[in-house]
Amino acid sequence: MGKLRLFVIRHGETAWSRERRFTGSRDVALTALGLRQCDAVAQALAPQPLAAVYASPLERARTSAEIIAKPHRLEVRVEAAFREMMFGPWEGLTREEVAARFPDDYERWRTAPDTLALPDAETLPEVAARVRRGLAALAGAHPDATLVLVSHAVIARALVLDALGLGLDRLWSVDASPASITEIEFEPGWATVHRMNTLAHLEAAGP
């Protein structure tokens, strides 16, 4: 494994992200603002020498990745390891609705997210394990390369926590806003977070 430079992008805004709904495995399209946000990411990353652009299989990530890949004339490569966490019965509900219907589980999610286990859902450790496997595959396929990965909030947080050597209990110590840019450099036995959840490029996207 050589040195891997990875730009981790959360997909652009959707109606559900604006309403703070748990989207998880559901397919939800980008809003008009979300499309403009991805244009801004594309402009910000246009000078970078990208070897490949990867995306979660979910529509909001794939569409975002296609916009970001366009200046580089790259085809988006879909990688299931980076799909969003499945939230089971919470999907489609707002934070307030989940807090009202599942108060104990929601409190656990807010205070000890690595211990939450919902029916027909994934646990955070399960998600982190598949993300780690996906990252190893990217590093093996692209030694000494610069890549873009367009994914989701939980995935971006898991990548940053792992790079910093922090546990999943610290999930809320890092953020991942729509169309944010996080840059991590990986080399054997080491990782450096160069920037995290940067948003300055979005000023041109408008309200």
N, C-alpha and C. Protein backbone atom coordinates (compact mmCIF):
# COMPACT_ATOMS: atom_id res chain seq x y z
N MET A 1 0.84 -1.20 0.00
CA MET A 1 0.00 0.00 0.00
C MET A 1 0.87 1.25 0.00
N GLY A 2 0.63 2.16 -0.93
CA GLY A 2 1.34 3.42 -0.95
C GLY A 2 0.56 4.47 -0.19
N LYS A 3 0.72 5.72 -0.60
CA LYS A 3 0.02 6.82 0.04
C LYS A 3 -1.29 7.10 -0.70
N LEU A 4 -2.39 7.12 0.01
CA LEU A 4 -3.71 7.38 -0.57
C LEU A 4 -4.23 8.71 -0.04
N ARG A 5 -4.55 9.61 -0.94
CA ARG A 5 -5.16 10.89 -0.57
C ARG A 5 -6.64 10.80 -0.93
N LEU A 6 -7.49 10.95 0.07
CA LEU A 6 -8.92 10.72 -0.13
C LEU A 6 -9.71 11.97 0.25
N PHE A 7 -10.48 12.48 -0.72
CA PHE A 7 -11.44 13.55 -0.45
C PHE A 7 -12.79 12.87 -0.18
N VAL A 8 -13.26 13.01 1.05
CA VAL A 8 -14.54 12.41 1.44
C VAL A 8 -15.60 13.51 1.39
N ILE A 9 -16.60 13.31 0.55
CA ILE A 9 -17.66 14.31 0.35
C ILE A 9 -18.98 13.73 0.82
N ARG A 10 -19.70 14.45 1.66
CA ARG A 10 -21.08 14.05 1.91
C ARG A 10 -21.91 14.57 0.73
N HIS A 11 -22.90 13.79 0.33
CA HIS A 11 -23.78 14.19 -0.77
C HIS A 11 -24.43 15.55 -0.49
N GLY A 12 -24.95 16.17 -1.56
CA GLY A 12 -25.62 17.45 -1.41
C GLY A 12 -26.96 17.34 -0.68
N GLU A 13 -27.55 18.49 -0.42
CA GLU A 13 -28.80 18.53 0.34
C GLU A 13 -29.92 17.76 -0.35
N THR A 14 -30.72 17.06 0.47
CA THR A 14 -31.98 16.47 0.03
C THR A 14 -33.10 17.09 0.86
N ALA A 15 -34.34 16.87 0.45
CA ALA A 15 -35.46 17.37 1.26
C ALA A 15 -35.43 16.74 2.65
N TRP A 16 -35.03 15.49 2.72
CA TRP A 16 -35.01 14.81 4.02
C TRP A 16 -33.87 15.30 4.89
N SER A 17 -32.72 15.59 4.32
CA SER A 17 -31.64 16.12 5.15
C SER A 17 -32.01 17.51 5.66
N ARG A 18 -32.71 18.29 4.83
CA ARG A 18 -33.14 19.62 5.27
C ARG A 18 -34.14 19.51 6.42
N GLU A 19 -35.00 18.47 6.36
CA GLU A 19 -36.01 18.27 7.41
C GLU A 19 -35.48 17.44 8.58
N ARG A 20 -34.20 17.07 8.51
CA ARG A 20 -33.56 16.27 9.55
C ARG A 20 -34.29 14.94 9.77
N ARG A 21 -34.59 14.27 8.65
CA ARG A 21 -35.16 12.93 8.70
C ARG A 21 -34.07 11.88 8.58
N PHE A 22 -34.27 10.76 9.21
CA PHE A 22 -33.37 9.63 9.04
C PHE A 22 -33.61 9.02 7.66
N THR A 23 -32.62 9.11 6.79
CA THR A 23 -32.78 8.62 5.42
C THR A 23 -32.25 7.20 5.28
N GLY A 24 -31.07 6.95 5.79
CA GLY A 24 -30.53 5.59 5.79
C GLY A 24 -30.48 4.97 4.42
N SER A 25 -31.14 3.82 4.25
CA SER A 25 -31.08 3.07 3.00
C SER A 25 -32.09 3.55 1.96
N ARG A 26 -32.90 4.55 2.29
CA ARG A 26 -33.90 5.04 1.34
C ARG A 26 -33.24 5.87 0.24
N ASP A 27 -33.83 5.84 -0.95
CA ASP A 27 -33.35 6.67 -2.05
C ASP A 27 -34.14 7.97 -2.09
N VAL A 28 -33.46 9.08 -1.92
CA VAL A 28 -34.06 10.41 -1.93
C VAL A 28 -33.22 11.29 -2.85
N ALA A 29 -33.87 12.06 -3.70
CA ALA A 29 -33.15 12.87 -4.69
C ALA A 29 -32.59 14.14 -4.06
N LEU A 30 -31.61 14.73 -4.72
CA LEU A 30 -31.08 16.01 -4.30
C LEU A 30 -32.08 17.12 -4.57
N THR A 31 -32.05 18.15 -3.74
CA THR A 31 -32.83 19.36 -4.01
C THR A 31 -32.07 20.23 -5.02
N ALA A 32 -32.72 21.32 -5.47
CA ALA A 32 -32.04 22.26 -6.37
C ALA A 32 -30.79 22.83 -5.70
N LEU A 33 -30.90 23.12 -4.39
CA LEU A 33 -29.73 23.60 -3.66
C LEU A 33 -28.66 22.52 -3.60
N GLY A 34 -29.06 21.28 -3.39
CA GLY A 34 -28.11 20.18 -3.35
C GLY A 34 -27.32 20.06 -4.64
N LEU A 35 -27.99 20.26 -5.77
CA LEU A 35 -27.30 20.22 -7.07
C LEU A 35 -26.29 21.35 -7.17
N ARG A 36 -26.68 22.56 -6.72
CA ARG A 36 -25.75 23.69 -6.76
C ARG A 36 -24.57 23.45 -5.83
N GLN A 37 -24.83 22.86 -4.68
CA GLN A 37 -23.74 22.55 -3.75
C GLN A 37 -22.71 21.62 -4.40
N CYS A 38 -23.20 20.63 -5.13
CA CYS A 38 -22.28 19.68 -5.78
C CYS A 38 -21.50 20.35 -6.90
N ASP A 39 -22.12 21.30 -7.58
CA ASP A 39 -21.38 22.10 -8.57
C ASP A 39 -20.23 22.84 -7.89
N ALA A 40 -20.50 23.37 -6.70
CA ALA A 40 -19.46 24.09 -5.96
C ALA A 40 -18.33 23.16 -5.54
N VAL A 41 -18.67 21.94 -5.12
CA VAL A 41 -17.64 20.96 -4.78
C VAL A 41 -16.82 20.63 -6.03
N ALA A 42 -17.50 20.46 -7.16
CA ALA A 42 -16.80 20.14 -8.41
C ALA A 42 -15.79 21.23 -8.76
N GLN A 43 -16.19 22.48 -8.60
CA GLN A 43 -15.28 23.59 -8.89
C GLN A 43 -14.09 23.59 -7.93
N ALA A 44 -14.36 23.32 -6.66
CA ALA A 44 -13.30 23.32 -5.66
C ALA A 44 -12.27 22.21 -5.91
N LEU A 45 -12.73 21.07 -6.42
CA LEU A 45 -11.84 19.92 -6.63
C LEU A 45 -11.35 19.80 -8.06
N ALA A 46 -11.78 20.69 -8.93
CA ALA A 46 -11.38 20.61 -10.35
C ALA A 46 -9.87 20.59 -10.54
N PRO A 47 -9.07 21.34 -9.77
CA PRO A 47 -7.61 21.30 -9.99
C PRO A 47 -6.92 20.03 -9.48
N GLN A 48 -7.62 19.21 -8.74
CA GLN A 48 -6.98 18.04 -8.14
C GLN A 48 -6.76 16.94 -9.18
N PRO A 49 -5.64 16.23 -9.11
CA PRO A 49 -5.33 15.15 -10.06
C PRO A 49 -6.02 13.85 -9.65
N LEU A 50 -7.30 13.76 -9.88
CA LEU A 50 -8.06 12.60 -9.40
C LEU A 50 -7.84 11.38 -10.27
N ALA A 51 -7.59 10.26 -9.62
CA ALA A 51 -7.46 8.99 -10.35
C ALA A 51 -8.81 8.31 -10.51
N ALA A 52 -9.74 8.56 -9.58
CA ALA A 52 -11.06 7.91 -9.64
C ALA A 52 -12.02 8.63 -8.71
N VAL A 53 -13.31 8.48 -9.01
CA VAL A 53 -14.37 9.00 -8.15
C VAL A 53 -15.28 7.82 -7.78
N TYR A 54 -15.43 7.61 -6.49
CA TYR A 54 -16.26 6.52 -5.98
C TYR A 54 -17.50 7.11 -5.31
N ALA A 55 -18.57 6.30 -5.26
CA ALA A 55 -19.80 6.75 -4.61
C ALA A 55 -20.54 5.58 -4.00
N SER A 56 -21.28 5.88 -2.97
CA SER A 56 -22.28 4.97 -2.43
C SER A 56 -23.30 4.66 -3.53
N PRO A 57 -23.97 3.51 -3.50
CA PRO A 57 -24.96 3.19 -4.52
C PRO A 57 -26.26 3.97 -4.40
N LEU A 58 -26.46 4.72 -3.32
CA LEU A 58 -27.71 5.45 -3.14
C LEU A 58 -27.75 6.68 -4.05
N GLU A 59 -28.94 6.99 -4.55
CA GLU A 59 -29.10 8.01 -5.60
C GLU A 59 -28.48 9.35 -5.22
N ARG A 60 -28.69 9.79 -3.99
CA ARG A 60 -28.20 11.11 -3.61
C ARG A 60 -26.68 11.20 -3.68
N ALA A 61 -26.00 10.09 -3.41
CA ALA A 61 -24.54 10.07 -3.50
C ALA A 61 -24.09 9.91 -4.95
N ARG A 62 -24.75 9.05 -5.70
CA ARG A 62 -24.36 8.84 -7.10
C ARG A 62 -24.52 10.11 -7.92
N THR A 63 -25.65 10.79 -7.75
CA THR A 63 -25.87 12.03 -8.49
C THR A 63 -24.83 13.08 -8.12
N SER A 64 -24.54 13.20 -6.84
CA SER A 64 -23.52 14.14 -6.39
C SER A 64 -22.17 13.81 -7.02
N ALA A 65 -21.83 12.52 -7.02
CA ALA A 65 -20.54 12.09 -7.56
C ALA A 65 -20.43 12.36 -9.06
N GLU A 66 -21.51 12.18 -9.79
CA GLU A 66 -21.48 12.42 -11.24
C GLU A 66 -21.17 13.88 -11.54
N ILE A 67 -21.72 14.78 -10.74
CA ILE A 67 -21.44 16.21 -10.92
C ILE A 67 -19.97 16.51 -10.61
N ILE A 68 -19.47 15.93 -9.53
CA ILE A 68 -18.09 16.18 -9.11
C ILE A 68 -17.10 15.57 -10.09
N ALA A 69 -17.45 14.44 -10.68
CA ALA A 69 -16.54 13.74 -11.60
C ALA A 69 -16.48 14.39 -12.98
N LYS A 70 -17.50 15.17 -13.33
CA LYS A 70 -17.61 15.68 -14.70
C LYS A 70 -16.39 16.47 -15.17
N PRO A 71 -15.83 17.42 -14.38
CA PRO A 71 -14.65 18.16 -14.87
C PRO A 71 -13.45 17.27 -15.17
N HIS A 72 -13.42 16.09 -14.58
CA HIS A 72 -12.29 15.18 -14.74
C HIS A 72 -12.56 14.13 -15.82
N ARG A 73 -13.76 14.15 -16.37
CA ARG A 73 -14.16 13.16 -17.37
C ARG A 73 -13.96 11.73 -16.85
N LEU A 74 -14.38 11.52 -15.61
CA LEU A 74 -14.27 10.21 -14.98
C LEU A 74 -15.65 9.59 -14.81
N GLU A 75 -15.74 8.29 -14.98
CA GLU A 75 -16.96 7.56 -14.67
C GLU A 75 -17.01 7.29 -13.18
N VAL A 76 -18.17 7.42 -12.60
CA VAL A 76 -18.32 7.16 -11.16
C VAL A 76 -18.32 5.65 -10.92
N ARG A 77 -17.54 5.23 -9.95
CA ARG A 77 -17.48 3.82 -9.57
C ARG A 77 -18.30 3.64 -8.28
N VAL A 78 -19.26 2.76 -8.34
CA VAL A 78 -20.16 2.55 -7.20
C VAL A 78 -19.57 1.49 -6.28
N GLU A 79 -19.55 1.78 -5.00
CA GLU A 79 -18.99 0.85 -4.01
C GLU A 79 -19.96 0.72 -2.84
N ALA A 80 -20.55 -0.46 -2.70
CA ALA A 80 -21.60 -0.69 -1.69
C ALA A 80 -21.08 -0.56 -0.27
N ALA A 81 -19.79 -0.72 -0.05
CA ALA A 81 -19.25 -0.63 1.31
C ALA A 81 -19.48 0.74 1.93
N PHE A 82 -19.72 1.75 1.08
CA PHE A 82 -19.85 3.12 1.57
C PHE A 82 -21.29 3.64 1.56
N ARG A 83 -22.26 2.72 1.48
CA ARG A 83 -23.67 3.15 1.59
C ARG A 83 -23.95 3.61 3.02
N GLU A 84 -25.02 4.38 3.18
CA GLU A 84 -25.32 4.92 4.51
C GLU A 84 -25.78 3.80 5.45
N MET A 85 -25.64 4.04 6.72
CA MET A 85 -26.12 3.13 7.76
C MET A 85 -27.61 2.90 7.61
N MET A 86 -28.05 1.65 7.74
CA MET A 86 -29.48 1.33 7.71
C MET A 86 -30.07 1.57 9.10
N PHE A 87 -31.13 2.38 9.13
CA PHE A 87 -31.74 2.74 10.42
C PHE A 87 -33.07 2.02 10.67
N GLY A 88 -33.42 1.05 9.85
CA GLY A 88 -34.61 0.25 10.11
C GLY A 88 -35.87 1.06 10.32
N PRO A 89 -36.54 0.92 11.49
CA PRO A 89 -37.83 1.57 11.72
C PRO A 89 -37.75 3.10 11.82
N TRP A 90 -36.55 3.64 11.92
CA TRP A 90 -36.42 5.10 12.02
C TRP A 90 -36.45 5.80 10.66
N GLU A 91 -36.24 5.06 9.59
CA GLU A 91 -36.09 5.70 8.28
C GLU A 91 -37.39 6.40 7.86
N GLY A 92 -37.25 7.64 7.43
CA GLY A 92 -38.40 8.46 7.05
C GLY A 92 -38.93 9.34 8.16
N LEU A 93 -38.48 9.09 9.38
CA LEU A 93 -38.95 9.87 10.53
C LEU A 93 -37.99 11.01 10.84
N THR A 94 -38.53 12.11 11.35
CA THR A 94 -37.68 13.21 11.81
C THR A 94 -37.07 12.87 13.16
N ARG A 95 -36.07 13.66 13.58
CA ARG A 95 -35.47 13.45 14.89
C ARG A 95 -36.52 13.55 15.98
N GLU A 96 -37.42 14.52 15.84
CA GLU A 96 -38.44 14.72 16.87
C GLU A 96 -39.39 13.51 16.94
N GLU A 97 -39.75 12.96 15.78
CA GLU A 97 -40.66 11.80 15.75
C GLU A 97 -39.99 10.57 16.37
N VAL A 98 -38.71 10.38 16.07
CA VAL A 98 -37.99 9.25 16.66
C VAL A 98 -37.89 9.42 18.17
N ALA A 99 -37.59 10.64 18.62
CA ALA A 99 -37.47 10.89 20.06
C ALA A 99 -38.78 10.60 20.78
N ALA A 100 -39.91 10.88 20.11
CA ALA A 100 -41.22 10.66 20.73
C ALA A 100 -41.60 9.18 20.73
N ARG A 101 -41.28 8.47 19.64
CA ARG A 101 -41.71 7.06 19.50
C ARG A 101 -40.73 6.07 20.12
N PHE A 102 -39.46 6.42 20.10
CA PHE A 102 -38.42 5.51 20.60
C PHE A 102 -37.51 6.26 21.58
N PRO A 103 -38.05 6.77 22.67
CA PRO A 103 -37.26 7.67 23.53
C PRO A 103 -35.99 7.04 24.09
N ASP A 104 -36.06 5.78 24.54
CA ASP A 104 -34.87 5.16 25.14
C ASP A 104 -33.79 4.92 24.09
N ASP A 105 -34.20 4.39 22.93
CA ASP A 105 -33.23 4.13 21.87
C ASP A 105 -32.64 5.43 21.32
N TYR A 106 -33.49 6.45 21.23
CA TYR A 106 -32.96 7.72 20.71
C TYR A 106 -31.96 8.32 21.68
N GLU A 107 -32.22 8.21 22.96
CA GLU A 107 -31.27 8.71 23.96
C GLU A 107 -29.95 7.93 23.87
N ARG A 108 -30.05 6.63 23.62
CA ARG A 108 -28.84 5.82 23.45
C ARG A 108 -28.07 6.28 22.21
N TRP A 109 -28.78 6.56 21.11
CA TRP A 109 -28.14 7.05 19.88
C TRP A 109 -27.41 8.36 20.12
N ARG A 110 -27.99 9.23 20.94
CA ARG A 110 -27.38 10.52 21.20
C ARG A 110 -26.21 10.44 22.18
N THR A 111 -26.22 9.47 23.08
CA THR A 111 -25.21 9.43 24.14
C THR A 111 -24.21 8.28 24.01
N ALA A 112 -24.63 7.17 23.42
CA ALA A 112 -23.74 6.00 23.27
C ALA A 112 -24.08 5.32 21.94
N PRO A 113 -23.84 5.99 20.81
CA PRO A 113 -24.32 5.48 19.52
C PRO A 113 -23.74 4.13 19.14
N ASP A 114 -22.57 3.82 19.65
CA ASP A 114 -21.94 2.53 19.31
C ASP A 114 -22.63 1.35 19.97
N THR A 115 -23.57 1.59 20.89
CA THR A 115 -24.27 0.50 21.59
C THR A 115 -25.69 0.30 21.08
N LEU A 116 -26.15 1.14 20.16
CA LEU A 116 -27.54 1.04 19.68
C LEU A 116 -27.70 -0.15 18.75
N ALA A 117 -28.77 -0.93 18.97
CA ALA A 117 -29.12 -2.05 18.09
C ALA A 117 -30.62 -2.03 17.85
N LEU A 118 -31.03 -1.67 16.63
CA LEU A 118 -32.44 -1.60 16.26
C LEU A 118 -32.81 -2.81 15.41
N PRO A 119 -34.08 -3.21 15.40
CA PRO A 119 -34.48 -4.32 14.53
C PRO A 119 -34.38 -3.91 13.06
N ASP A 120 -33.97 -4.85 12.21
CA ASP A 120 -33.86 -4.60 10.77
C ASP A 120 -32.98 -3.40 10.45
N ALA A 121 -31.94 -3.23 11.23
CA ALA A 121 -31.02 -2.11 11.04
C ALA A 121 -29.60 -2.60 11.24
N GLU A 122 -28.64 -1.71 11.00
CA GLU A 122 -27.23 -2.02 11.26
C GLU A 122 -26.81 -1.37 12.57
N THR A 123 -25.81 -1.96 13.19
CA THR A 123 -25.18 -1.30 14.32
C THR A 123 -24.01 -0.47 13.81
N LEU A 124 -23.60 0.50 14.59
CA LEU A 124 -22.48 1.35 14.19
C LEU A 124 -21.18 0.55 14.01
N PRO A 125 -20.87 -0.41 14.90
CA PRO A 125 -19.67 -1.22 14.66
C PRO A 125 -19.74 -2.00 13.35
N GLU A 126 -20.91 -2.48 12.97
CA GLU A 126 -21.04 -3.19 11.69
C GLU A 126 -20.75 -2.25 10.52
N VAL A 127 -21.26 -1.04 10.60
CA VAL A 127 -21.01 -0.06 9.55
C VAL A 127 -19.52 0.26 9.46
N ALA A 128 -18.90 0.50 10.61
CA ALA A 128 -17.48 0.84 10.62
C ALA A 128 -16.62 -0.28 10.05
N ALA A 129 -17.03 -1.53 10.29
CA ALA A 129 -16.26 -2.66 9.79
C ALA A 129 -16.32 -2.73 8.26
N ARG A 130 -17.49 -2.51 7.69
CA ARG A 130 -17.57 -2.56 6.22
C ARG A 130 -16.89 -1.35 5.58
N VAL A 131 -16.93 -0.21 6.24
CA VAL A 131 -16.22 0.97 5.73
C VAL A 131 -14.72 0.71 5.75
N ARG A 132 -14.23 0.09 6.81
CA ARG A 132 -12.80 -0.22 6.90
C ARG A 132 -12.38 -1.18 5.78
N ARG A 133 -13.22 -2.17 5.50
CA ARG A 133 -12.92 -3.10 4.40
C ARG A 133 -12.93 -2.37 3.06
N GLY A 134 -13.90 -1.48 2.88
CA GLY A 134 -13.96 -0.71 1.64
C GLY A 134 -12.76 0.18 1.45
N LEU A 135 -12.31 0.81 2.52
CA LEU A 135 -11.14 1.67 2.44
C LEU A 135 -9.89 0.86 2.08
N ALA A 136 -9.74 -0.32 2.67
CA ALA A 136 -8.60 -1.17 2.35
C ALA A 136 -8.60 -1.56 0.87
N ALA A 137 -9.80 -1.82 0.33
CA ALA A 137 -9.89 -2.16 -1.09
C ALA A 137 -9.50 -0.98 -1.97
N LEU A 138 -9.92 0.23 -1.61
CA LEU A 138 -9.54 1.42 -2.37
C LEU A 138 -8.02 1.61 -2.34
N ALA A 139 -7.44 1.49 -1.18
CA ALA A 139 -5.99 1.68 -1.04
C ALA A 139 -5.22 0.65 -1.85
N GLY A 140 -5.73 -0.59 -1.86
CA GLY A 140 -5.06 -1.62 -2.63
C GLY A 140 -5.17 -1.42 -4.13
N ALA A 141 -6.30 -0.87 -4.56
CA ALA A 141 -6.52 -0.67 -6.00
C ALA A 141 -5.86 0.59 -6.53
N HIS A 142 -5.57 1.56 -5.64
CA HIS A 142 -5.04 2.85 -6.08
C HIS A 142 -3.86 3.29 -5.23
N PRO A 143 -2.72 2.60 -5.33
CA PRO A 143 -1.55 3.04 -4.56
C PRO A 143 -1.04 4.38 -5.07
N ASP A 144 -0.70 5.25 -4.13
CA ASP A 144 -0.15 6.57 -4.47
C ASP A 144 -1.07 7.35 -5.40
N ALA A 145 -2.35 7.42 -5.04
CA ALA A 145 -3.34 8.11 -5.88
C ALA A 145 -4.18 9.05 -5.04
N THR A 146 -4.89 9.94 -5.75
CA THR A 146 -5.85 10.86 -5.13
C THR A 146 -7.24 10.48 -5.61
N LEU A 147 -8.14 10.23 -4.67
CA LEU A 147 -9.49 9.77 -4.99
C LEU A 147 -10.52 10.69 -4.35
N VAL A 148 -11.74 10.65 -4.91
CA VAL A 148 -12.91 11.25 -4.27
C VAL A 148 -13.86 10.13 -3.89
N LEU A 149 -14.40 10.21 -2.69
CA LEU A 149 -15.44 9.29 -2.24
C LEU A 149 -16.65 10.12 -1.82
N VAL A 150 -17.77 9.92 -2.51
CA VAL A 150 -19.00 10.63 -2.17
C VAL A 150 -19.89 9.66 -1.39
N SER A 151 -20.19 10.02 -0.16
CA SER A 151 -20.90 9.09 0.70
C SER A 151 -21.88 9.84 1.60
N HIS A 152 -21.92 9.47 2.87
CA HIS A 152 -22.98 9.92 3.77
C HIS A 152 -22.40 10.35 5.12
N ALA A 153 -23.26 10.91 5.95
CA ALA A 153 -22.80 11.52 7.20
C ALA A 153 -22.14 10.51 8.14
N VAL A 154 -22.79 9.37 8.39
CA VAL A 154 -22.22 8.40 9.31
C VAL A 154 -20.92 7.83 8.75
N ILE A 155 -20.88 7.62 7.44
CA ILE A 155 -19.68 7.05 6.82
C ILE A 155 -18.51 8.03 6.95
N ALA A 156 -18.75 9.30 6.65
CA ALA A 156 -17.68 10.30 6.76
C ALA A 156 -17.17 10.39 8.20
N ARG A 157 -18.09 10.38 9.16
CA ARG A 157 -17.67 10.43 10.57
C ARG A 157 -16.84 9.20 10.93
N ALA A 158 -17.27 8.02 10.48
CA ALA A 158 -16.54 6.79 10.80
C ALA A 158 -15.13 6.84 10.23
N LEU A 159 -14.97 7.35 9.02
CA LEU A 159 -13.64 7.45 8.41
C LEU A 159 -12.74 8.40 9.19
N VAL A 160 -13.28 9.54 9.61
CA VAL A 160 -12.48 10.50 10.36
C VAL A 160 -12.11 9.94 11.74
N LEU A 161 -13.06 9.34 12.43
CA LEU A 161 -12.75 8.79 13.76
C LEU A 161 -11.67 7.72 13.67
N ASP A 162 -11.76 6.86 12.66
CA ASP A 162 -10.76 5.81 12.50
C ASP A 162 -9.39 6.41 12.20
N ALA A 163 -9.37 7.45 11.35
CA ALA A 163 -8.11 8.10 11.01
C ALA A 163 -7.47 8.75 12.22
N LEU A 164 -8.30 9.27 13.12
CA LEU A 164 -7.80 9.95 14.33
C LEU A 164 -7.55 8.98 15.49
N GLY A 165 -7.89 7.71 15.29
CA GLY A 165 -7.71 6.75 16.37
C GLY A 165 -8.71 6.89 17.49
N LEU A 166 -9.90 7.42 17.18
CA LEU A 166 -10.94 7.61 18.18
C LEU A 166 -12.01 6.53 18.04
N GLY A 167 -12.66 6.21 19.13
CA GLY A 167 -13.70 5.19 19.13
C GLY A 167 -15.02 5.70 18.57
N LEU A 168 -15.90 4.76 18.25
CA LEU A 168 -17.21 5.11 17.69
C LEU A 168 -18.11 5.82 18.70
N ASP A 169 -17.78 5.72 19.98
CA ASP A 169 -18.53 6.46 20.98
C ASP A 169 -18.37 7.97 20.81
N ARG A 170 -17.36 8.38 20.03
CA ARG A 170 -17.12 9.80 19.78
C ARG A 170 -17.77 10.28 18.48
N LEU A 171 -18.79 9.57 18.01
CA LEU A 171 -19.42 9.88 16.72
C LEU A 171 -19.81 11.34 16.58
N TRP A 172 -20.31 11.93 17.67
CA TRP A 172 -20.81 13.31 17.60
C TRP A 172 -19.71 14.34 17.83
N SER A 173 -18.47 13.89 17.97
CA SER A 173 -17.35 14.83 18.10
C SER A 173 -16.93 15.41 16.76
N VAL A 174 -17.36 14.80 15.67
CA VAL A 174 -17.05 15.29 14.33
C VAL A 174 -18.36 15.50 13.57
N ASP A 175 -18.33 16.36 12.55
CA ASP A 175 -19.55 16.67 11.81
C ASP A 175 -19.35 16.33 10.34
N ALA A 176 -20.46 16.22 9.63
CA ALA A 176 -20.43 15.95 8.19
C ALA A 176 -21.66 16.59 7.57
N SER A 177 -21.53 17.86 7.18
CA SER A 177 -22.63 18.63 6.60
C SER A 177 -22.82 18.27 5.13
N PRO A 178 -24.01 18.51 4.57
CA PRO A 178 -24.20 18.25 3.14
C PRO A 178 -23.17 18.99 2.29
N ALA A 179 -22.57 18.26 1.34
CA ALA A 179 -21.58 18.79 0.38
C ALA A 179 -20.31 19.31 1.04
N SER A 180 -20.03 18.84 2.24
CA SER A 180 -18.78 19.23 2.90
C SER A 180 -17.62 18.43 2.32
N ILE A 181 -16.42 18.99 2.47
CA ILE A 181 -15.19 18.33 2.01
C ILE A 181 -14.33 17.97 3.22
N THR A 182 -13.96 16.70 3.30
CA THR A 182 -13.00 16.22 4.29
C THR A 182 -11.84 15.60 3.52
N GLU A 183 -10.63 15.89 3.92
CA GLU A 183 -9.44 15.38 3.22
C GLU A 183 -8.57 14.59 4.19
N ILE A 184 -8.34 13.32 3.86
CA ILE A 184 -7.54 12.43 4.70
C ILE A 184 -6.45 11.79 3.85
N GLU A 185 -5.25 11.74 4.40
CA GLU A 185 -4.14 11.08 3.71
C GLU A 185 -3.76 9.83 4.50
N PHE A 186 -3.77 8.70 3.80
CA PHE A 186 -3.46 7.42 4.42
C PHE A 186 -2.14 6.90 3.89
N GLU A 187 -1.33 6.39 4.79
CA GLU A 187 -0.13 5.65 4.41
C GLU A 187 0.01 4.50 5.40
N PRO A 188 0.85 3.51 5.11
CA PRO A 188 0.91 2.34 5.98
C PRO A 188 1.15 2.72 7.45
N GLY A 189 0.20 2.33 8.29
CA GLY A 189 0.33 2.56 9.72
C GLY A 189 0.04 3.96 10.19
N TRP A 190 -0.46 4.83 9.29
CA TRP A 190 -0.66 6.22 9.70
C TRP A 190 -1.74 6.87 8.84
N ALA A 191 -2.42 7.85 9.42
CA ALA A 191 -3.39 8.65 8.67
C ALA A 191 -3.33 10.08 9.18
N THR A 192 -3.49 11.05 8.27
CA THR A 192 -3.49 12.47 8.63
C THR A 192 -4.75 13.11 8.09
N VAL A 193 -5.50 13.78 8.96
CA VAL A 193 -6.69 14.52 8.54
C VAL A 193 -6.24 15.94 8.23
N HIS A 194 -6.25 16.32 6.96
CA HIS A 194 -5.79 17.64 6.56
C HIS A 194 -6.89 18.70 6.67
N ARG A 195 -8.12 18.31 6.40
CA ARG A 195 -9.26 19.22 6.63
C ARG A 195 -10.49 18.37 6.88
N MET A 196 -11.44 18.95 7.63
CA MET A 196 -12.62 18.18 8.02
C MET A 196 -13.87 19.06 7.93
N ASN A 197 -14.85 18.57 7.18
CA ASN A 197 -16.16 19.23 7.08
C ASN A 197 -16.02 20.69 6.65
N THR A 198 -15.12 20.98 5.70
CA THR A 198 -14.98 22.36 5.24
C THR A 198 -16.16 22.74 4.35
N LEU A 199 -16.59 24.00 4.46
CA LEU A 199 -17.81 24.46 3.78
C LEU A 199 -17.62 25.77 3.03
N ALA A 200 -16.40 26.34 3.05
CA ALA A 200 -16.18 27.65 2.44
C ALA A 200 -16.55 27.65 0.96
N HIS A 201 -16.35 26.53 0.28
CA HIS A 201 -16.65 26.46 -1.15
C HIS A 201 -18.12 26.63 -1.46
N LEU A 202 -19.00 26.46 -0.44
CA LEU A 202 -20.44 26.50 -0.67
C LEU A 202 -21.01 27.92 -0.69
N GLU A 203 -20.17 28.92 -0.40
CA GLU A 203 -20.68 30.30 -0.39
C GLU A 203 -21.26 30.68 -1.76
N ALA A 204 -20.70 30.11 -2.83
CA ALA A 204 -21.19 30.42 -4.17
C ALA A 204 -22.50 29.70 -4.50
N ALA A 205 -22.86 28.70 -3.70
CA ALA A 205 -24.06 27.92 -4.00
C ALA A 205 -25.34 28.66 -3.67
N GLY A 206 -25.25 29.68 -2.81
CA GLY A 206 -26.42 30.46 -2.46
C GLY A 206 -27.27 29.77 -1.40
N PRO A 207 -28.32 30.45 -0.95
CA PRO A 207 -29.20 29.90 0.10
C PRO A 207 -30.14 28.83 -0.47
